[in-house]
Amino acid sequence: MTQAIETLTLDQDNLDQDNRYPPGDLAIWIFILAELSVFAAFFGAYAFTRMNNVALFNEFQLHLDREAALINTLALITSSYFVVRAVSAIKENHSAVCARWLVAAMGMGAVFLIVKIGEYSHHFALGINLSTNTFYMFYLSLTVFHFMHVIMGMVILAAVAIKAKQGCYSAHEHTGVETGASYWHMVDLVWLILFPLVYVMR
């Protein structure tokens, strides 16, 4: 009887953990909202400036590598899927599997960084920089800012993966995994707005 009560209590605790909203630590959501506000301001400034320089933006937008940007989009979407699998794994108490999914997500993040560095190398070889024109000022500012967030997200995922590998998380307590996942999804979301805004929309 006592064992049954303990089992029911544990199940209820796990249910409460799974149903907590928003997932992860509240502090990360305050940070995420602050970061999204900064990106929103960037995007708003880009859109406003573009409306007053349509010909310039359309001309130089064609010089961007859309195929590379598409590869990066697929890489980040795939990485977010891997992070979702990591969260599902830890909820089933599979910490080692969780760690492997997080490493896979970081692998996709590395693909993003490598492709983006290739883009930057091409632009810099042509002498393009922030002062080239208004379009490139926004392009470099937005994408480099996001690039730094990808790096930060990978550092967070690495820290979470190490702790998962060490058995620090479980089905009962996995706030850290959800916190890292929430930040990574934010990074992905920002790119899904940045990609069409900068590379596609005309």
N, C-alpha and C. Protein backbone atom coordinates (compact mmCIF):
# COMPACT_ATOMS: atom_id res chain seq x y z
N MET A 1 0.84 -1.20 0.00
CA MET A 1 0.00 0.00 0.00
C MET A 1 0.88 1.25 0.00
N THR A 2 1.89 1.25 0.88
CA THR A 2 2.81 2.40 0.97
C THR A 2 3.54 2.61 -0.34
N GLN A 3 3.96 1.50 -0.96
CA GLN A 3 4.67 1.59 -2.23
C GLN A 3 3.78 2.17 -3.32
N ALA A 4 2.49 1.77 -3.30
CA ALA A 4 1.54 2.27 -4.29
C ALA A 4 1.35 3.77 -4.13
N ILE A 5 1.28 4.23 -2.88
CA ILE A 5 1.11 5.66 -2.62
C ILE A 5 2.33 6.43 -3.11
N GLU A 6 3.53 5.88 -2.84
CA GLU A 6 4.76 6.54 -3.28
C GLU A 6 4.82 6.62 -4.81
N THR A 7 4.37 5.54 -5.47
CA THR A 7 4.37 5.52 -6.93
C THR A 7 3.42 6.57 -7.48
N LEU A 8 2.22 6.67 -6.87
CA LEU A 8 1.25 7.66 -7.31
C LEU A 8 1.78 9.07 -7.10
N THR A 9 2.45 9.29 -5.98
CA THR A 9 3.02 10.61 -5.69
C THR A 9 4.09 10.97 -6.70
N LEU A 10 4.97 9.99 -7.04
CA LEU A 10 6.01 10.23 -8.03
C LEU A 10 5.41 10.53 -9.39
N ASP A 11 4.38 9.76 -9.75
CA ASP A 11 3.71 9.99 -11.04
C ASP A 11 3.11 11.39 -11.09
N GLN A 12 2.53 11.83 -9.97
CA GLN A 12 1.93 13.16 -9.94
C GLN A 12 3.00 14.23 -10.06
N ASP A 13 4.16 13.99 -9.40
CA ASP A 13 5.27 14.95 -9.50
C ASP A 13 5.77 15.05 -10.93
N ASN A 14 5.88 13.91 -11.60
CA ASN A 14 6.32 13.91 -13.00
C ASN A 14 5.31 14.61 -13.89
N LEU A 15 4.01 14.42 -13.59
CA LEU A 15 2.96 15.07 -14.37
C LEU A 15 3.04 16.58 -14.19
N ASP A 16 3.27 17.02 -12.95
CA ASP A 16 3.40 18.45 -12.69
C ASP A 16 4.61 19.02 -13.42
N GLN A 17 5.71 18.23 -13.44
CA GLN A 17 6.93 18.68 -14.13
C GLN A 17 6.67 18.82 -15.62
N ASP A 18 5.97 17.87 -16.21
CA ASP A 18 5.71 17.89 -17.64
C ASP A 18 4.73 19.00 -18.03
N ASN A 19 3.79 19.32 -17.12
CA ASN A 19 2.76 20.30 -17.45
C ASN A 19 3.13 21.73 -17.07
N ARG A 20 4.33 21.93 -16.51
CA ARG A 20 4.73 23.27 -16.11
C ARG A 20 4.85 24.16 -17.33
N TYR A 21 4.32 25.36 -17.23
CA TYR A 21 4.37 26.29 -18.37
C TYR A 21 4.74 27.67 -17.87
N PRO A 22 5.71 28.33 -18.50
CA PRO A 22 6.51 27.82 -19.62
C PRO A 22 7.54 26.80 -19.13
N PRO A 23 8.01 25.93 -20.02
CA PRO A 23 8.99 24.92 -19.61
C PRO A 23 10.33 25.56 -19.29
N GLY A 24 11.08 24.94 -18.40
CA GLY A 24 12.39 25.46 -18.05
C GLY A 24 12.31 26.50 -16.95
N ASP A 25 13.43 27.13 -16.72
CA ASP A 25 13.53 28.14 -15.67
C ASP A 25 12.89 29.45 -16.12
N LEU A 26 12.19 30.12 -15.21
CA LEU A 26 11.52 31.37 -15.55
C LEU A 26 12.51 32.44 -15.98
N ALA A 27 13.70 32.43 -15.40
CA ALA A 27 14.71 33.44 -15.73
C ALA A 27 15.08 33.40 -17.20
N ILE A 28 15.15 32.20 -17.78
CA ILE A 28 15.53 32.10 -19.19
C ILE A 28 14.46 32.73 -20.08
N TRP A 29 13.20 32.66 -19.64
CA TRP A 29 12.13 33.25 -20.44
C TRP A 29 12.17 34.77 -20.39
N ILE A 30 12.57 35.32 -19.26
CA ILE A 30 12.75 36.77 -19.18
C ILE A 30 13.87 37.19 -20.13
N PHE A 31 14.96 36.39 -20.13
CA PHE A 31 16.08 36.66 -21.01
C PHE A 31 15.68 36.51 -22.47
N ILE A 32 14.92 35.47 -22.78
CA ILE A 32 14.45 35.23 -24.15
C ILE A 32 13.59 36.39 -24.64
N LEU A 33 12.68 36.85 -23.81
CA LEU A 33 11.81 37.97 -24.20
C LEU A 33 12.63 39.23 -24.45
N ALA A 34 13.66 39.44 -23.63
CA ALA A 34 14.53 40.60 -23.83
C ALA A 34 15.27 40.48 -25.17
N GLU A 35 15.77 39.28 -25.46
CA GLU A 35 16.50 39.05 -26.71
C GLU A 35 15.57 39.22 -27.92
N LEU A 36 14.37 38.69 -27.82
CA LEU A 36 13.41 38.83 -28.91
C LEU A 36 13.04 40.28 -29.14
N SER A 37 12.99 41.06 -28.08
CA SER A 37 12.69 42.49 -28.21
C SER A 37 13.78 43.20 -29.00
N VAL A 38 15.04 42.83 -28.73
CA VAL A 38 16.16 43.43 -29.46
C VAL A 38 16.10 43.06 -30.93
N PHE A 39 15.86 41.77 -31.21
CA PHE A 39 15.75 41.34 -32.60
C PHE A 39 14.56 42.01 -33.29
N ALA A 40 13.45 42.16 -32.58
CA ALA A 40 12.27 42.81 -33.16
C ALA A 40 12.59 44.25 -33.56
N ALA A 41 13.37 44.94 -32.73
CA ALA A 41 13.78 46.31 -33.04
C ALA A 41 14.65 46.33 -34.29
N PHE A 42 15.59 45.36 -34.37
CA PHE A 42 16.44 45.22 -35.55
C PHE A 42 15.60 44.99 -36.80
N PHE A 43 14.67 44.04 -36.71
CA PHE A 43 13.83 43.71 -37.86
C PHE A 43 12.97 44.90 -38.28
N GLY A 44 12.44 45.61 -37.30
CA GLY A 44 11.63 46.78 -37.60
C GLY A 44 12.44 47.85 -38.30
N ALA A 45 13.66 48.08 -37.83
CA ALA A 45 14.53 49.08 -38.46
C ALA A 45 14.89 48.65 -39.88
N TYR A 46 15.13 47.35 -40.06
CA TYR A 46 15.44 46.83 -41.39
C TYR A 46 14.26 47.06 -42.34
N ALA A 47 13.07 46.68 -41.91
CA ALA A 47 11.88 46.81 -42.75
C ALA A 47 11.61 48.27 -43.11
N PHE A 48 11.74 49.16 -42.12
CA PHE A 48 11.50 50.59 -42.36
C PHE A 48 12.50 51.16 -43.35
N THR A 49 13.78 50.82 -43.16
CA THR A 49 14.82 51.32 -44.05
C THR A 49 14.66 50.75 -45.45
N ARG A 50 14.26 49.50 -45.52
CA ARG A 50 14.08 48.86 -46.83
C ARG A 50 12.98 49.55 -47.63
N MET A 51 11.91 49.95 -46.95
CA MET A 51 10.80 50.62 -47.65
C MET A 51 11.26 51.91 -48.33
N ASN A 52 12.31 52.52 -47.78
CA ASN A 52 12.81 53.78 -48.34
C ASN A 52 14.01 53.58 -49.26
N ASN A 53 14.43 52.31 -49.42
CA ASN A 53 15.56 52.01 -50.29
C ASN A 53 15.32 50.68 -51.02
N VAL A 54 14.14 50.54 -51.60
CA VAL A 54 13.73 49.26 -52.18
C VAL A 54 14.69 48.81 -53.28
N ALA A 55 15.03 49.71 -54.19
CA ALA A 55 15.90 49.34 -55.32
C ALA A 55 17.27 48.87 -54.83
N LEU A 56 17.84 49.59 -53.86
CA LEU A 56 19.14 49.22 -53.32
C LEU A 56 19.10 47.85 -52.66
N PHE A 57 18.09 47.64 -51.83
CA PHE A 57 17.99 46.36 -51.10
C PHE A 57 17.73 45.20 -52.07
N ASN A 58 16.88 45.42 -53.07
CA ASN A 58 16.59 44.35 -54.04
C ASN A 58 17.84 43.99 -54.84
N GLU A 59 18.62 44.99 -55.21
CA GLU A 59 19.82 44.75 -56.01
C GLU A 59 20.84 43.91 -55.25
N PHE A 60 21.16 44.32 -54.03
CA PHE A 60 22.22 43.63 -53.30
C PHE A 60 21.76 42.36 -52.60
N GLN A 61 20.46 42.23 -52.46
CA GLN A 61 19.93 40.98 -51.92
C GLN A 61 20.23 39.83 -52.87
N LEU A 62 20.27 40.13 -54.16
CA LEU A 62 20.56 39.11 -55.16
C LEU A 62 21.98 38.59 -55.06
N HIS A 63 22.86 39.32 -54.37
CA HIS A 63 24.26 38.90 -54.22
C HIS A 63 24.44 37.91 -53.08
N LEU A 64 23.40 37.70 -52.30
CA LEU A 64 23.49 36.76 -51.18
C LEU A 64 23.33 35.32 -51.67
N ASP A 65 23.88 34.40 -50.94
CA ASP A 65 23.83 32.99 -51.30
C ASP A 65 22.59 32.35 -50.65
N ARG A 66 21.50 32.27 -51.42
CA ARG A 66 20.26 31.74 -50.88
C ARG A 66 20.35 30.24 -50.61
N GLU A 67 21.13 29.55 -51.42
CA GLU A 67 21.29 28.10 -51.20
C GLU A 67 21.96 27.83 -49.86
N ALA A 68 22.99 28.61 -49.55
CA ALA A 68 23.66 28.46 -48.26
C ALA A 68 22.70 28.78 -47.13
N ALA A 69 21.90 29.83 -47.32
CA ALA A 69 20.92 30.21 -46.29
C ALA A 69 19.87 29.12 -46.10
N LEU A 70 19.48 28.47 -47.19
CA LEU A 70 18.50 27.38 -47.10
C LEU A 70 19.10 26.19 -46.35
N ILE A 71 20.36 25.88 -46.63
CA ILE A 71 21.05 24.81 -45.91
C ILE A 71 21.06 25.11 -44.42
N ASN A 72 21.35 26.35 -44.09
CA ASN A 72 21.38 26.74 -42.69
C ASN A 72 20.00 26.67 -42.05
N THR A 73 18.98 26.99 -42.82
CA THR A 73 17.61 26.89 -42.30
C THR A 73 17.28 25.44 -41.97
N LEU A 74 17.61 24.55 -42.88
CA LEU A 74 17.35 23.12 -42.66
C LEU A 74 18.18 22.60 -41.48
N ALA A 75 19.41 23.10 -41.34
CA ALA A 75 20.28 22.67 -40.24
C ALA A 75 19.68 23.06 -38.90
N LEU A 76 19.18 24.29 -38.80
CA LEU A 76 18.62 24.73 -37.52
C LEU A 76 17.28 24.05 -37.21
N ILE A 77 16.47 23.83 -38.24
CA ILE A 77 15.21 23.12 -38.01
C ILE A 77 15.49 21.69 -37.52
N THR A 78 16.48 21.06 -38.17
CA THR A 78 16.86 19.70 -37.76
C THR A 78 17.40 19.70 -36.33
N SER A 79 18.19 20.71 -36.01
CA SER A 79 18.75 20.79 -34.66
C SER A 79 17.65 20.95 -33.62
N SER A 80 16.62 21.72 -33.94
CA SER A 80 15.51 21.89 -33.00
C SER A 80 14.76 20.57 -32.81
N TYR A 81 14.64 19.80 -33.89
CA TYR A 81 14.02 18.48 -33.78
C TYR A 81 14.84 17.60 -32.84
N PHE A 82 16.16 17.65 -32.98
CA PHE A 82 17.02 16.85 -32.10
C PHE A 82 16.87 17.28 -30.65
N VAL A 83 16.71 18.57 -30.42
CA VAL A 83 16.53 19.07 -29.06
C VAL A 83 15.20 18.58 -28.48
N VAL A 84 14.18 18.56 -29.31
CA VAL A 84 12.88 18.02 -28.88
C VAL A 84 13.03 16.56 -28.47
N ARG A 85 13.80 15.81 -29.26
CA ARG A 85 14.01 14.40 -28.92
C ARG A 85 14.79 14.27 -27.61
N ALA A 86 15.71 15.19 -27.37
CA ALA A 86 16.49 15.17 -26.13
C ALA A 86 15.57 15.38 -24.93
N VAL A 87 14.64 16.32 -25.05
CA VAL A 87 13.69 16.58 -23.95
C VAL A 87 12.81 15.36 -23.73
N SER A 88 12.34 14.76 -24.82
CA SER A 88 11.51 13.56 -24.70
C SER A 88 12.27 12.42 -24.03
N ALA A 89 13.56 12.29 -24.37
CA ALA A 89 14.38 11.22 -23.81
C ALA A 89 14.54 11.38 -22.30
N ILE A 90 14.81 12.61 -21.84
CA ILE A 90 15.02 12.80 -20.41
C ILE A 90 13.71 12.62 -19.64
N LYS A 91 12.59 12.91 -20.27
CA LYS A 91 11.30 12.70 -19.62
C LYS A 91 11.02 11.20 -19.43
N GLU A 92 11.70 10.39 -20.23
CA GLU A 92 11.59 8.93 -20.09
C GLU A 92 12.76 8.37 -19.28
N ASN A 93 13.51 9.29 -18.68
CA ASN A 93 14.62 8.93 -17.78
C ASN A 93 15.82 8.34 -18.51
N HIS A 94 15.99 8.69 -19.78
CA HIS A 94 17.12 8.21 -20.56
C HIS A 94 18.14 9.34 -20.70
N SER A 95 18.93 9.56 -19.68
CA SER A 95 19.84 10.70 -19.67
C SER A 95 20.95 10.57 -20.73
N ALA A 96 21.45 9.35 -20.95
CA ALA A 96 22.50 9.16 -21.94
C ALA A 96 21.98 9.44 -23.35
N VAL A 97 20.77 9.00 -23.62
CA VAL A 97 20.14 9.26 -24.92
C VAL A 97 19.91 10.75 -25.09
N CYS A 98 19.48 11.40 -24.02
CA CYS A 98 19.28 12.85 -24.04
C CYS A 98 20.58 13.55 -24.43
N ALA A 99 21.67 13.14 -23.82
CA ALA A 99 22.97 13.76 -24.11
C ALA A 99 23.35 13.56 -25.57
N ARG A 100 23.07 12.39 -26.12
CA ARG A 100 23.42 12.12 -27.52
C ARG A 100 22.62 13.00 -28.48
N TRP A 101 21.34 13.20 -28.18
CA TRP A 101 20.51 14.06 -29.02
C TRP A 101 21.00 15.50 -28.96
N LEU A 102 21.44 15.94 -27.79
CA LEU A 102 21.96 17.30 -27.65
C LEU A 102 23.26 17.47 -28.43
N VAL A 103 24.11 16.45 -28.41
CA VAL A 103 25.35 16.50 -29.19
C VAL A 103 25.01 16.58 -30.69
N ALA A 104 24.00 15.82 -31.11
CA ALA A 104 23.57 15.87 -32.51
C ALA A 104 23.06 17.26 -32.88
N ALA A 105 22.33 17.88 -31.96
CA ALA A 105 21.84 19.24 -32.19
C ALA A 105 23.00 20.21 -32.34
N MET A 106 24.02 20.04 -31.50
CA MET A 106 25.21 20.89 -31.61
C MET A 106 25.92 20.66 -32.94
N GLY A 107 25.87 19.43 -33.44
CA GLY A 107 26.46 19.13 -34.73
C GLY A 107 25.80 19.94 -35.83
N MET A 108 24.47 20.04 -35.78
CA MET A 108 23.75 20.85 -36.75
C MET A 108 24.06 22.33 -36.57
N GLY A 109 24.26 22.72 -35.32
CA GLY A 109 24.65 24.10 -35.07
C GLY A 109 26.01 24.39 -35.68
N ALA A 110 26.92 23.42 -35.60
CA ALA A 110 28.25 23.57 -36.18
C ALA A 110 28.16 23.70 -37.70
N VAL A 111 27.24 22.94 -38.31
CA VAL A 111 27.02 23.05 -39.77
C VAL A 111 26.62 24.49 -40.11
N PHE A 112 25.70 25.04 -39.31
CA PHE A 112 25.25 26.41 -39.52
C PHE A 112 26.44 27.37 -39.47
N LEU A 113 27.27 27.24 -38.45
CA LEU A 113 28.40 28.16 -38.28
C LEU A 113 29.39 28.05 -39.43
N ILE A 114 29.67 26.82 -39.87
CA ILE A 114 30.63 26.61 -40.95
C ILE A 114 30.14 27.23 -42.25
N VAL A 115 28.86 27.00 -42.56
CA VAL A 115 28.29 27.56 -43.78
C VAL A 115 28.30 29.09 -43.72
N LYS A 116 27.95 29.63 -42.57
CA LYS A 116 27.91 31.09 -42.42
C LYS A 116 29.30 31.69 -42.52
N ILE A 117 30.29 31.03 -41.94
CA ILE A 117 31.66 31.51 -42.05
C ILE A 117 32.10 31.53 -43.52
N GLY A 118 31.65 30.52 -44.28
CA GLY A 118 31.93 30.50 -45.71
C GLY A 118 31.33 31.70 -46.42
N GLU A 119 30.10 32.06 -46.05
CA GLU A 119 29.46 33.24 -46.62
C GLU A 119 30.25 34.50 -46.29
N TYR A 120 30.60 34.64 -45.01
CA TYR A 120 31.33 35.83 -44.59
C TYR A 120 32.68 35.93 -45.29
N SER A 121 33.36 34.81 -45.44
CA SER A 121 34.67 34.81 -46.11
C SER A 121 34.55 35.32 -47.53
N HIS A 122 33.49 34.88 -48.21
CA HIS A 122 33.25 35.33 -49.58
C HIS A 122 33.02 36.83 -49.63
N HIS A 123 32.18 37.34 -48.74
CA HIS A 123 31.88 38.78 -48.72
C HIS A 123 33.12 39.60 -48.38
N PHE A 124 33.85 39.17 -47.37
CA PHE A 124 35.03 39.93 -46.94
C PHE A 124 36.11 39.92 -48.01
N ALA A 125 36.20 38.81 -48.77
CA ALA A 125 37.19 38.74 -49.85
C ALA A 125 36.88 39.76 -50.94
N LEU A 126 35.61 40.11 -51.06
CA LEU A 126 35.19 41.11 -52.05
C LEU A 126 35.28 42.53 -51.49
N GLY A 127 35.74 42.65 -50.25
CA GLY A 127 35.88 43.96 -49.65
C GLY A 127 34.60 44.50 -49.03
N ILE A 128 33.60 43.64 -48.87
CA ILE A 128 32.32 44.07 -48.30
C ILE A 128 32.44 44.17 -46.79
N ASN A 129 31.92 45.26 -46.24
CA ASN A 129 31.90 45.46 -44.79
C ASN A 129 30.70 46.31 -44.40
N LEU A 130 30.63 46.70 -43.16
CA LEU A 130 29.47 47.45 -42.66
C LEU A 130 29.28 48.78 -43.37
N SER A 131 30.33 49.35 -43.86
CA SER A 131 30.24 50.67 -44.50
C SER A 131 30.04 50.60 -46.01
N THR A 132 29.93 49.40 -46.57
CA THR A 132 29.77 49.26 -48.03
C THR A 132 28.50 49.96 -48.50
N ASN A 133 27.38 49.63 -47.90
CA ASN A 133 26.11 50.31 -48.16
C ASN A 133 25.12 49.94 -47.05
N THR A 134 23.93 50.53 -47.12
CA THR A 134 22.93 50.33 -46.07
C THR A 134 22.48 48.87 -45.98
N PHE A 135 22.33 48.24 -47.13
CA PHE A 135 21.88 46.85 -47.11
C PHE A 135 22.88 45.96 -46.39
N TYR A 136 24.15 46.08 -46.75
CA TYR A 136 25.16 45.22 -46.13
C TYR A 136 25.37 45.56 -44.65
N MET A 137 25.12 46.82 -44.29
CA MET A 137 25.20 47.17 -42.87
C MET A 137 24.18 46.36 -42.07
N PHE A 138 22.95 46.29 -42.59
CA PHE A 138 21.91 45.54 -41.91
C PHE A 138 22.16 44.03 -42.00
N TYR A 139 22.56 43.58 -43.19
CA TYR A 139 22.80 42.15 -43.38
C TYR A 139 23.86 41.64 -42.41
N LEU A 140 24.99 42.34 -42.35
CA LEU A 140 26.08 41.89 -41.49
C LEU A 140 25.71 42.04 -40.01
N SER A 141 25.07 43.14 -39.66
CA SER A 141 24.69 43.36 -38.26
C SER A 141 23.72 42.28 -37.78
N LEU A 142 22.70 42.03 -38.56
CA LEU A 142 21.68 41.04 -38.17
C LEU A 142 22.24 39.64 -38.11
N THR A 143 22.95 39.24 -39.16
CA THR A 143 23.41 37.86 -39.20
C THR A 143 24.55 37.59 -38.22
N VAL A 144 25.44 38.55 -38.02
CA VAL A 144 26.51 38.36 -37.03
C VAL A 144 25.93 38.30 -35.63
N PHE A 145 24.94 39.14 -35.35
CA PHE A 145 24.28 39.13 -34.05
C PHE A 145 23.64 37.76 -33.80
N HIS A 146 22.98 37.24 -34.83
CA HIS A 146 22.37 35.92 -34.70
C HIS A 146 23.45 34.84 -34.60
N PHE A 147 24.53 34.98 -35.36
CA PHE A 147 25.65 34.05 -35.33
C PHE A 147 26.17 33.89 -33.90
N MET A 148 26.31 35.00 -33.20
CA MET A 148 26.79 34.96 -31.82
C MET A 148 25.79 34.25 -30.90
N HIS A 149 24.52 34.38 -31.20
CA HIS A 149 23.50 33.67 -30.41
C HIS A 149 23.56 32.16 -30.65
N VAL A 150 23.88 31.77 -31.88
CA VAL A 150 24.04 30.34 -32.16
C VAL A 150 25.20 29.78 -31.33
N ILE A 151 26.30 30.51 -31.29
CA ILE A 151 27.45 30.08 -30.49
C ILE A 151 27.06 29.95 -29.02
N MET A 152 26.37 30.97 -28.51
CA MET A 152 25.94 30.93 -27.11
C MET A 152 25.00 29.75 -26.86
N GLY A 153 24.09 29.51 -27.81
CA GLY A 153 23.17 28.39 -27.68
C GLY A 153 23.89 27.06 -27.64
N MET A 154 24.95 26.92 -28.45
CA MET A 154 25.72 25.69 -28.47
C MET A 154 26.48 25.49 -27.15
N VAL A 155 26.95 26.58 -26.58
CA VAL A 155 27.62 26.50 -25.28
C VAL A 155 26.64 26.01 -24.21
N ILE A 156 25.42 26.54 -24.26
CA ILE A 156 24.39 26.12 -23.30
C ILE A 156 24.06 24.65 -23.49
N LEU A 157 23.86 24.23 -24.74
CA LEU A 157 23.55 22.83 -25.01
C LEU A 157 24.69 21.91 -24.57
N ALA A 158 25.93 22.37 -24.76
CA ALA A 158 27.07 21.56 -24.35
C ALA A 158 27.08 21.37 -22.83
N ALA A 159 26.79 22.44 -22.10
CA ALA A 159 26.75 22.35 -20.64
C ALA A 159 25.65 21.40 -20.18
N VAL A 160 24.50 21.49 -20.83
CA VAL A 160 23.37 20.62 -20.49
C VAL A 160 23.70 19.17 -20.84
N ALA A 161 24.33 18.95 -21.99
CA ALA A 161 24.69 17.60 -22.42
C ALA A 161 25.66 16.95 -21.44
N ILE A 162 26.64 17.73 -20.97
CA ILE A 162 27.60 17.20 -20.01
C ILE A 162 26.90 16.78 -18.72
N LYS A 163 25.99 17.63 -18.24
CA LYS A 163 25.27 17.31 -17.02
C LYS A 163 24.35 16.10 -17.22
N ALA A 164 23.75 16.01 -18.41
CA ALA A 164 22.89 14.85 -18.70
C ALA A 164 23.72 13.57 -18.72
N LYS A 165 24.91 13.65 -19.33
CA LYS A 165 25.80 12.49 -19.38
C LYS A 165 26.21 12.06 -17.99
N GLN A 166 26.34 13.01 -17.09
CA GLN A 166 26.73 12.71 -15.71
C GLN A 166 25.55 12.23 -14.86
N GLY A 167 24.36 12.19 -15.45
CA GLY A 167 23.18 11.72 -14.72
C GLY A 167 22.57 12.75 -13.79
N CYS A 168 22.80 14.04 -14.08
CA CYS A 168 22.28 15.10 -13.21
C CYS A 168 20.80 15.39 -13.45
N TYR A 169 20.24 14.87 -14.54
CA TYR A 169 18.83 15.08 -14.84
C TYR A 169 18.09 13.75 -14.82
N SER A 170 16.79 13.83 -14.64
CA SER A 170 15.97 12.62 -14.61
C SER A 170 14.56 12.98 -15.06
N ALA A 171 13.71 11.97 -15.13
CA ALA A 171 12.31 12.21 -15.49
C ALA A 171 11.63 13.10 -14.45
N HIS A 172 12.12 13.03 -13.22
CA HIS A 172 11.52 13.83 -12.14
C HIS A 172 12.02 15.28 -12.15
N GLU A 173 13.28 15.48 -12.52
CA GLU A 173 13.86 16.83 -12.52
C GLU A 173 14.71 17.05 -13.78
N HIS A 174 14.17 17.79 -14.71
CA HIS A 174 14.88 18.06 -15.96
C HIS A 174 14.71 19.51 -16.39
N THR A 175 14.59 20.40 -15.42
CA THR A 175 14.42 21.81 -15.72
C THR A 175 15.57 22.35 -16.58
N GLY A 176 16.79 21.91 -16.28
CA GLY A 176 17.94 22.39 -17.03
C GLY A 176 17.86 22.04 -18.51
N VAL A 177 17.38 20.84 -18.82
CA VAL A 177 17.25 20.44 -20.22
C VAL A 177 16.23 21.30 -20.92
N GLU A 178 15.09 21.53 -20.28
CA GLU A 178 14.05 22.36 -20.88
C GLU A 178 14.50 23.81 -21.03
N THR A 179 15.31 24.27 -20.09
CA THR A 179 15.82 25.64 -20.16
C THR A 179 16.73 25.81 -21.38
N GLY A 180 17.66 24.87 -21.56
CA GLY A 180 18.54 24.91 -22.73
C GLY A 180 17.77 24.78 -24.03
N ALA A 181 16.77 23.90 -24.02
CA ALA A 181 15.95 23.69 -25.21
C ALA A 181 15.18 24.96 -25.58
N SER A 182 14.66 25.64 -24.58
CA SER A 182 13.89 26.86 -24.83
C SER A 182 14.76 27.93 -25.49
N TYR A 183 15.98 28.08 -25.01
CA TYR A 183 16.88 29.07 -25.61
C TYR A 183 17.21 28.70 -27.05
N TRP A 184 17.48 27.41 -27.28
CA TRP A 184 17.84 26.99 -28.64
C TRP A 184 16.68 27.19 -29.61
N HIS A 185 15.47 26.93 -29.16
CA HIS A 185 14.31 27.15 -30.03
C HIS A 185 14.15 28.63 -30.36
N MET A 186 14.51 29.50 -29.42
CA MET A 186 14.47 30.94 -29.68
C MET A 186 15.44 31.30 -30.80
N VAL A 187 16.65 30.73 -30.74
CA VAL A 187 17.66 30.98 -31.77
C VAL A 187 17.14 30.53 -33.13
N ASP A 188 16.49 29.39 -33.16
CA ASP A 188 15.92 28.84 -34.40
C ASP A 188 14.81 29.75 -34.91
N LEU A 189 13.92 30.18 -34.01
CA LEU A 189 12.80 31.05 -34.39
C LEU A 189 13.29 32.34 -35.02
N VAL A 190 14.30 32.94 -34.44
CA VAL A 190 14.83 34.20 -34.98
C VAL A 190 15.35 34.01 -36.40
N TRP A 191 16.04 32.89 -36.65
CA TRP A 191 16.54 32.63 -38.00
C TRP A 191 15.39 32.42 -38.98
N LEU A 192 14.32 31.78 -38.54
CA LEU A 192 13.19 31.54 -39.43
C LEU A 192 12.49 32.84 -39.82
N ILE A 193 12.72 33.90 -39.06
CA ILE A 193 12.22 35.22 -39.44
C ILE A 193 13.27 35.94 -40.28
N LEU A 194 14.52 35.83 -39.86
CA LEU A 194 15.61 36.52 -40.54
C LEU A 194 15.81 36.02 -41.97
N PHE A 195 15.72 34.71 -42.16
CA PHE A 195 15.97 34.11 -43.48
C PHE A 195 15.05 34.69 -44.56
N PRO A 196 13.72 34.62 -44.41
CA PRO A 196 12.90 35.20 -45.47
C PRO A 196 12.98 36.71 -45.55
N LEU A 197 13.16 37.36 -44.41
CA LEU A 197 13.20 38.82 -44.39
C LEU A 197 14.40 39.37 -45.17
N VAL A 198 15.56 38.78 -44.96
CA VAL A 198 16.80 39.29 -45.55
C VAL A 198 17.12 38.65 -46.89
N TYR A 199 16.87 37.34 -47.01
CA TYR A 199 17.30 36.60 -48.20
C TYR A 199 16.22 36.47 -49.28
N VAL A 200 14.94 36.50 -48.91
CA VAL A 200 13.90 36.10 -49.84
C VAL A 200 12.94 37.24 -50.22
N MET A 201 12.38 37.90 -49.22
CA MET A 201 11.34 38.91 -49.48
C MET A 201 11.86 40.05 -50.34
N ARG A 202 11.05 40.42 -51.35
CA ARG A 202 11.44 41.50 -52.27
C ARG A 202 10.28 42.47 -52.42
